[in-house]
Amino acid sequence: MEIEFIEEKFNEIFRELEKEVMEILEDQSLDKKNTNLRMKPLSSTKQILGNALESIRMVHRLDQETQDKS
């Protein structure tokens, strides 16, 4: 498994999410409620992706440990 490639792709997605967040925060036409409503899906997505990346890293580490013991 090429963990570096996967991490690179996740980081690209994180950067895109951060751009979207900055666009929302800079939009002066949005009130606090609408800003929060637009931010929630982005922060949830980032959390889900972060958890997925951590799981992939853990599986990769366990796989390497198993191969080292063999």
PDB file of N, CA and C in Angstrom:
ATOM      1  N   MET A   1       0.856  -1.172   0.000  1.00  0.00           N
ATOM      2  CA  MET A   1       0.000   0.000   0.000  1.00  0.00           C
ATOM      3  C   MET A   1       0.903   1.236   0.000  1.00  0.00           C
ATOM      4  N   GLU A   2       0.592   2.176  -0.851  1.00  0.00           N
ATOM      5  CA  GLU A   2       1.386   3.386  -0.932  1.00  0.00           C
ATOM      6  C   GLU A   2       0.758   4.460  -0.050  1.00  0.00           C
ATOM      7  N   ILE A   3       1.131   4.433   1.217  1.00  0.00           N
ATOM      8  CA  ILE A   3       0.552   5.333   2.202  1.00  0.00           C
ATOM      9  C   ILE A   3       0.881   6.795   1.893  1.00  0.00           C
ATOM     10  N   GLU A   4       2.054   7.045   1.325  1.00  0.00           N
ATOM     11  CA  GLU A   4       2.441   8.418   1.003  1.00  0.00           C
ATOM     12  C   GLU A   4       1.507   9.019  -0.047  1.00  0.00           C
ATOM     13  N   PHE A   5       1.148   8.210  -1.041  1.00  0.00           N
ATOM     14  CA  PHE A   5       0.223   8.669  -2.082  1.00  0.00           C
ATOM     15  C   PHE A   5      -1.140   8.987  -1.480  1.00  0.00           C
ATOM     16  N   ILE A   6      -1.609   8.115  -0.626  1.00  0.00           N
ATOM     17  CA  ILE A   6      -2.911   8.309   0.016  1.00  0.00           C
ATOM     18  C   ILE A   6      -2.888   9.576   0.869  1.00  0.00           C
ATOM     19  N   GLU A   7      -1.834   9.751   1.665  1.00  0.00           N
ATOM     20  CA  GLU A   7      -1.725  10.949   2.503  1.00  0.00           C
ATOM     21  C   GLU A   7      -1.678  12.209   1.649  1.00  0.00           C
ATOM     22  N   GLU A   8      -0.980  12.156   0.525  1.00  0.00           N
ATOM     23  CA  GLU A   8      -0.894  13.304  -0.370  1.00  0.00           C
ATOM     24  C   GLU A   8      -2.281  13.683  -0.889  1.00  0.00           C
ATOM     25  N   LYS A   9      -3.052  12.692  -1.285  1.00  0.00           N
ATOM     26  CA  LYS A   9      -4.401  12.951  -1.801  1.00  0.00           C
ATOM     27  C   LYS A   9      -5.318  13.504  -0.712  1.00  0.00           C
ATOM     28  N   PHE A  10      -5.212  12.959   0.492  1.00  0.00           N
ATOM     29  CA  PHE A  10      -6.003  13.481   1.600  1.00  0.00           C
ATOM     30  C   PHE A  10      -5.627  14.934   1.876  1.00  0.00           C
ATOM     31  N   ASN A  11      -4.335  15.242   1.836  1.00  0.00           N
ATOM     32  CA  ASN A  11      -3.891  16.612   2.077  1.00  0.00           C
ATOM     33  C   ASN A  11      -4.407  17.568   1.010  1.00  0.00           C
ATOM     34  N   GLU A  12      -4.496  17.111  -0.226  1.00  0.00           N
ATOM     35  CA  GLU A  12      -5.082  17.930  -1.284  1.00  0.00           C
ATOM     36  C   GLU A  12      -6.546  18.240  -0.962  1.00  0.00           C
ATOM     37  N   ILE A  13      -7.260  17.242  -0.511  1.00  0.00           N
ATOM     38  CA  ILE A  13      -8.671  17.434  -0.156  1.00  0.00           C
ATOM     39  C   ILE A  13      -8.788  18.396   1.025  1.00  0.00           C
ATOM     40  N   PHE A  14      -7.910  18.237   2.033  1.00  0.00           N
ATOM     41  CA  PHE A  14      -7.933  19.136   3.180  1.00  0.00           C
ATOM     42  C   PHE A  14      -7.695  20.582   2.749  1.00  0.00           C
ATOM     43  N   ARG A  15      -6.753  20.786   1.832  1.00  0.00           N
ATOM     44  CA  ARG A  15      -6.480  22.150   1.345  1.00  0.00           C
ATOM     45  C   ARG A  15      -7.700  22.733   0.638  1.00  0.00           C
ATOM     46  N   GLU A  16      -8.390  21.913  -0.144  1.00  0.00           N
ATOM     47  CA  GLU A  16      -9.596  22.383  -0.825  1.00  0.00           C
ATOM     48  C   GLU A  16     -10.694  22.735   0.183  1.00  0.00           C
ATOM     49  N   LEU A  17     -10.842  21.916   1.209  1.00  0.00           N
ATOM     50  CA  LEU A  17     -11.828  22.217   2.248  1.00  0.00           C
ATOM     51  C   LEU A  17     -11.488  23.535   2.949  1.00  0.00           C
ATOM     52  N   GLU A  18     -10.203  23.746   3.223  1.00  0.00           N
ATOM     53  CA  GLU A  18      -9.788  24.983   3.875  1.00  0.00           C
ATOM     54  C   GLU A  18     -10.065  26.199   2.991  1.00  0.00           C
ATOM     55  N   LYS A  19      -9.902  26.047   1.687  1.00  0.00           N
ATOM     56  CA  LYS A  19     -10.233  27.143   0.764  1.00  0.00           C
ATOM     57  C   LYS A  19     -11.719  27.475   0.845  1.00  0.00           C
ATOM     58  N   GLU A  20     -12.539  26.431   0.858  1.00  0.00           N
ATOM     59  CA  GLU A  20     -13.986  26.637   0.956  1.00  0.00           C
ATOM     60  C   GLU A  20     -14.349  27.333   2.266  1.00  0.00           C
ATOM     61  N   VAL A  21     -13.698  26.925   3.355  1.00  0.00           N
ATOM     62  CA  VAL A  21     -13.954  27.547   4.652  1.00  0.00           C
ATOM     63  C   VAL A  21     -13.591  29.021   4.596  1.00  0.00           C
ATOM     64  N   MET A  22     -12.452  29.343   4.021  1.00  0.00           N
ATOM     65  CA  MET A  22     -12.022  30.736   3.942  1.00  0.00           C
ATOM     66  C   MET A  22     -12.985  31.559   3.100  1.00  0.00           C
ATOM     67  N   GLU A  23     -13.488  30.994   2.019  1.00  0.00           N
ATOM     68  CA  GLU A  23     -14.472  31.697   1.190  1.00  0.00           C
ATOM     69  C   GLU A  23     -15.731  32.008   1.993  1.00  0.00           C
ATOM     70  N   ILE A  24     -16.176  31.056   2.795  1.00  0.00           N
ATOM     71  CA  ILE A  24     -17.369  31.269   3.609  1.00  0.00           C
ATOM     72  C   ILE A  24     -17.106  32.351   4.650  1.00  0.00           C
ATOM     73  N   LEU A  25     -15.953  32.264   5.311  1.00  0.00           N
ATOM     74  CA  LEU A  25     -15.639  33.238   6.352  1.00  0.00           C
ATOM     75  C   LEU A  25     -15.472  34.650   5.792  1.00  0.00           C
ATOM     76  N   GLU A  26     -15.001  34.751   4.571  1.00  0.00           N
ATOM     77  CA  GLU A  26     -14.784  36.059   3.959  1.00  0.00           C
ATOM     78  C   GLU A  26     -16.046  36.640   3.336  1.00  0.00           C
ATOM     79  N   ASP A  27     -17.082  35.830   3.198  1.00  0.00           N
ATOM     80  CA  ASP A  27     -18.336  36.298   2.606  1.00  0.00           C
ATOM     81  C   ASP A  27     -19.082  37.169   3.615  1.00  0.00           C
ATOM     82  N   GLN A  28     -19.003  38.468   3.409  1.00  0.00           N
ATOM     83  CA  GLN A  28     -19.614  39.424   4.343  1.00  0.00           C
ATOM     84  C   GLN A  28     -21.140  39.447   4.270  1.00  0.00           C
ATOM     85  N   SER A  29     -21.695  38.851   3.217  1.00  0.00           N
ATOM     86  CA  SER A  29     -23.150  38.863   3.070  1.00  0.00           C
ATOM     87  C   SER A  29     -23.835  37.824   3.962  1.00  0.00           C
ATOM     88  N   LEU A  30     -23.054  36.908   4.527  1.00  0.00           N
ATOM     89  CA  LEU A  30     -23.633  35.863   5.370  1.00  0.00           C
ATOM     90  C   LEU A  30     -23.698  36.317   6.823  1.00  0.00           C
ATOM     91  N   ASP A  31     -24.837  36.049   7.452  1.00  0.00           N
ATOM     92  CA  ASP A  31     -24.914  36.308   8.886  1.00  0.00           C
ATOM     93  C   ASP A  31     -24.329  35.106   9.627  1.00  0.00           C
ATOM     94  N   LYS A  32     -24.274  35.191  10.937  1.00  0.00           N
ATOM     95  CA  LYS A  32     -23.642  34.139  11.738  1.00  0.00           C
ATOM     96  C   LYS A  32     -24.327  32.785  11.536  1.00  0.00           C
ATOM     97  N   LYS A  33     -25.653  32.794  11.499  1.00  0.00           N
ATOM     98  CA  LYS A  33     -26.398  31.547  11.351  1.00  0.00           C
ATOM     99  C   LYS A  33     -26.058  30.860  10.029  1.00  0.00           C
ATOM    100  N   ASN A  34     -26.094  31.615   8.933  1.00  0.00           N
ATOM    101  CA  ASN A  34     -25.800  31.029   7.621  1.00  0.00           C
ATOM    102  C   ASN A  34     -24.341  30.612   7.504  1.00  0.00           C
ATOM    103  N   THR A  35     -23.464  31.374   8.122  1.00  0.00           N
ATOM    104  CA  THR A  35     -22.051  30.986   8.128  1.00  0.00           C
ATOM    105  C   THR A  35     -21.901  29.638   8.816  1.00  0.00           C
ATOM    106  N   ASN A  36     -22.510  29.499   9.976  1.00  0.00           N
ATOM    107  CA  ASN A  36     -22.430  28.234  10.715  1.00  0.00           C
ATOM    108  C   ASN A  36     -23.067  27.077   9.946  1.00  0.00           C
ATOM    109  N   LEU A  37     -24.188  27.342   9.289  1.00  0.00           N
ATOM    110  CA  LEU A  37     -24.859  26.297   8.510  1.00  0.00           C
ATOM    111  C   LEU A  37     -23.985  25.817   7.351  1.00  0.00           C
ATOM    112  N   ARG A  38     -23.226  26.715   6.764  1.00  0.00           N
ATOM    113  CA  ARG A  38     -22.354  26.328   5.653  1.00  0.00           C
ATOM    114  C   ARG A  38     -21.052  25.698   6.134  1.00  0.00           C
ATOM    115  N   MET A  39     -20.638  26.043   7.341  1.00  0.00           N
ATOM    116  CA  MET A  39     -19.382  25.512   7.876  1.00  0.00           C
ATOM    117  C   MET A  39     -19.530  24.086   8.398  1.00  0.00           C
ATOM    118  N   LYS A  40     -20.687  23.756   8.954  1.00  0.00           N
ATOM    119  CA  LYS A  40     -20.885  22.455   9.589  1.00  0.00           C
ATOM    120  C   LYS A  40     -20.562  21.273   8.674  1.00  0.00           C
ATOM    121  N   PRO A  41     -21.076  21.246   7.443  1.00  0.00           N
ATOM    122  CA  PRO A  41     -20.747  20.103   6.579  1.00  0.00           C
ATOM    123  C   PRO A  41     -19.246  20.014   6.270  1.00  0.00           C
ATOM    124  N   LEU A  42     -18.598  21.162   6.143  1.00  0.00           N
ATOM    125  CA  LEU A  42     -17.168  21.158   5.841  1.00  0.00           C
ATOM    126  C   LEU A  42     -16.358  20.636   7.011  1.00  0.00           C
ATOM    127  N   SER A  43     -16.713  21.075   8.215  1.00  0.00           N
ATOM    128  CA  SER A  43     -15.962  20.597   9.384  1.00  0.00           C
ATOM    129  C   SER A  43     -16.236  19.113   9.633  1.00  0.00           C
ATOM    130  N   SER A  44     -17.458  18.681   9.383  1.00  0.00           N
ATOM    131  CA  SER A  44     -17.785  17.252   9.532  1.00  0.00           C
ATOM    132  C   SER A  44     -17.014  16.420   8.516  1.00  0.00           C
ATOM    133  N   THR A  45     -16.954  16.900   7.292  1.00  0.00           N
ATOM    134  CA  THR A  45     -16.214  16.194   6.244  1.00  0.00           C
ATOM    135  C   THR A  45     -14.744  16.087   6.604  1.00  0.00           C
ATOM    136  N   LYS A  46     -14.176  17.175   7.096  1.00  0.00           N
ATOM    137  CA  LYS A  46     -12.767  17.157   7.475  1.00  0.00           C
ATOM    138  C   LYS A  46     -12.528  16.156   8.605  1.00  0.00           C
ATOM    139  N   GLN A  47     -13.426  16.107   9.570  1.00  0.00           N
ATOM    140  CA  GLN A  47     -13.285  15.164  10.682  1.00  0.00           C
ATOM    141  C   GLN A  47     -13.392  13.716  10.197  1.00  0.00           C
ATOM    142  N   ILE A  48     -14.335  13.453   9.332  1.00  0.00           N
ATOM    143  CA  ILE A  48     -14.513  12.102   8.796  1.00  0.00           C
ATOM    144  C   ILE A  48     -13.276  11.679   8.012  1.00  0.00           C
ATOM    145  N   LEU A  49     -12.774  12.569   7.173  1.00  0.00           N
ATOM    146  CA  LEU A  49     -11.580  12.252   6.382  1.00  0.00           C
ATOM    147  C   LEU A  49     -10.355  12.063   7.278  1.00  0.00           C
ATOM    148  N   GLY A  50     -10.244  12.881   8.316  1.00  0.00           N
ATOM    149  CA  GLY A  50      -9.138  12.724   9.262  1.00  0.00           C
ATOM    150  C   GLY A  50      -9.187  11.377   9.948  1.00  0.00           C
ATOM    151  N   ASN A  51     -10.377  10.960  10.345  1.00  0.00           N
ATOM    152  CA  ASN A  51     -10.541   9.646  10.973  1.00  0.00           C
ATOM    153  C   ASN A  51     -10.206   8.520   9.992  1.00  0.00           C
ATOM    154  N   ALA A  52     -10.635   8.680   8.745  1.00  0.00           N
ATOM    155  CA  ALA A  52     -10.348   7.663   7.734  1.00  0.00           C
ATOM    156  C   ALA A  52      -8.843   7.554   7.492  1.00  0.00           C
ATOM    157  N   LEU A  53      -8.165   8.697   7.411  1.00  0.00           N
ATOM    158  CA  LEU A  53      -6.716   8.679   7.197  1.00  0.00           C
ATOM    159  C   LEU A  53      -6.009   8.023   8.373  1.00  0.00           C
ATOM    160  N   GLU A  54      -6.444   8.311   9.579  1.00  0.00           N
ATOM    161  CA  GLU A  54      -5.846   7.686  10.764  1.00  0.00           C
ATOM    162  C   GLU A  54      -6.062   6.177  10.741  1.00  0.00           C
ATOM    163  N   SER A  55      -7.237   5.737  10.317  1.00  0.00           N
ATOM    164  CA  SER A  55      -7.512   4.296  10.216  1.00  0.00           C
ATOM    165  C   SER A  55      -6.620   3.637   9.175  1.00  0.00           C
ATOM    166  N   ILE A  56      -6.431   4.301   8.053  1.00  0.00           N
ATOM    167  CA  ILE A  56      -5.558   3.769   7.001  1.00  0.00           C
ATOM    168  C   ILE A  56      -4.136   3.651   7.523  1.00  0.00           C
ATOM    169  N   ARG A  57      -3.672   4.660   8.236  1.00  0.00           N
ATOM    170  CA  ARG A  57      -2.320   4.609   8.809  1.00  0.00           C
ATOM    171  C   ARG A  57      -2.181   3.455   9.793  1.00  0.00           C
ATOM    172  N   MET A  58      -3.202   3.248  10.612  1.00  0.00           N
ATOM    173  CA  MET A  58      -3.152   2.179  11.602  1.00  0.00           C
ATOM    174  C   MET A  58      -3.105   0.808  10.917  1.00  0.00           C
ATOM    175  N   VAL A  59      -3.937   0.614   9.903  1.00  0.00           N
ATOM    176  CA  VAL A  59      -3.937  -0.651   9.176  1.00  0.00           C
ATOM    177  C   VAL A  59      -2.587  -0.863   8.499  1.00  0.00           C
ATOM    178  N   HIS A  60      -2.039   0.184   7.935  1.00  0.00           N
ATOM    179  CA  HIS A  60      -0.730   0.091   7.289  1.00  0.00           C
ATOM    180  C   HIS A  60       0.350  -0.297   8.301  1.00  0.00           C
ATOM    181  N   ARG A  61       0.321   0.348   9.459  1.00  0.00           N
ATOM    182  CA  ARG A  61       1.303   0.037  10.510  1.00  0.00           C
ATOM    183  C   ARG A  61       1.168  -1.406  10.986  1.00  0.00           C
ATOM    184  N   LEU A  62      -0.056  -1.847  11.206  1.00  0.00           N
ATOM    185  CA  LEU A  62      -0.284  -3.228  11.637  1.00  0.00           C
ATOM    186  C   LEU A  62       0.162  -4.223  10.575  1.00  0.00           C
ATOM    187  N   ASP A  63      -0.064  -3.889   9.321  1.00  0.00           N
ATOM    188  CA  ASP A  63       0.364  -4.753   8.220  1.00  0.00           C
ATOM    189  C   ASP A  63       1.884  -4.856   8.197  1.00  0.00           C
ATOM    190  N   GLN A  64       2.561  -3.737   8.390  1.00  0.00           N
ATOM    191  CA  GLN A  64       4.039  -3.763   8.416  1.00  0.00           C
ATOM    192  C   GLN A  64       4.546  -4.577   9.590  1.00  0.00           C
ATOM    193  N   GLU A  65       3.910  -4.426  10.752  1.00  0.00           N
ATOM    194  CA  GLU A  65       4.325  -5.201  11.918  1.00  0.00           C
ATOM    195  C   GLU A  65       4.132  -6.690  11.683  1.00  0.00           C
ATOM    196  N   THR A  66       3.036  -7.060  11.037  1.00  0.00           N
ATOM    197  CA  THR A  66       2.764  -8.462  10.736  1.00  0.00           C
ATOM    198  C   THR A  66       3.801  -9.008   9.757  1.00  0.00           C
ATOM    199  N   GLN A  67       4.150  -8.215   8.765  1.00  0.00           N
ATOM    200  CA  GLN A  67       5.153  -8.654   7.789  1.00  0.00           C
ATOM    201  C   GLN A  67       6.541  -8.777   8.446  1.00  0.00           C
ATOM    202  N   ASP A  68       6.844  -7.891   9.368  1.00  0.00           N
ATOM    203  CA  ASP A  68       8.138  -7.938  10.058  1.00  0.00           C
ATOM    204  C   ASP A  68       8.276  -9.194  10.922  1.00  0.00           C
ATOM    205  N   LYS A  69       7.147  -9.655  11.508  1.00  0.00           N
ATOM    206  CA  LYS A  69       7.168 -10.839  12.351  1.00  0.00           C
ATOM    207  C   LYS A  69       7.286 -12.121  11.534  1.00  0.00           C
ATOM    208  N   SER A  70       6.888 -12.059  10.277  1.00  0.00           N
ATOM    209  CA  SER A  70       6.915 -13.265   9.421  1.00  0.00           C
ATOM    210  C   SER A  70       8.299 -13.604   8.954  1.00  0.00           C
TER     211      SER A  70
END
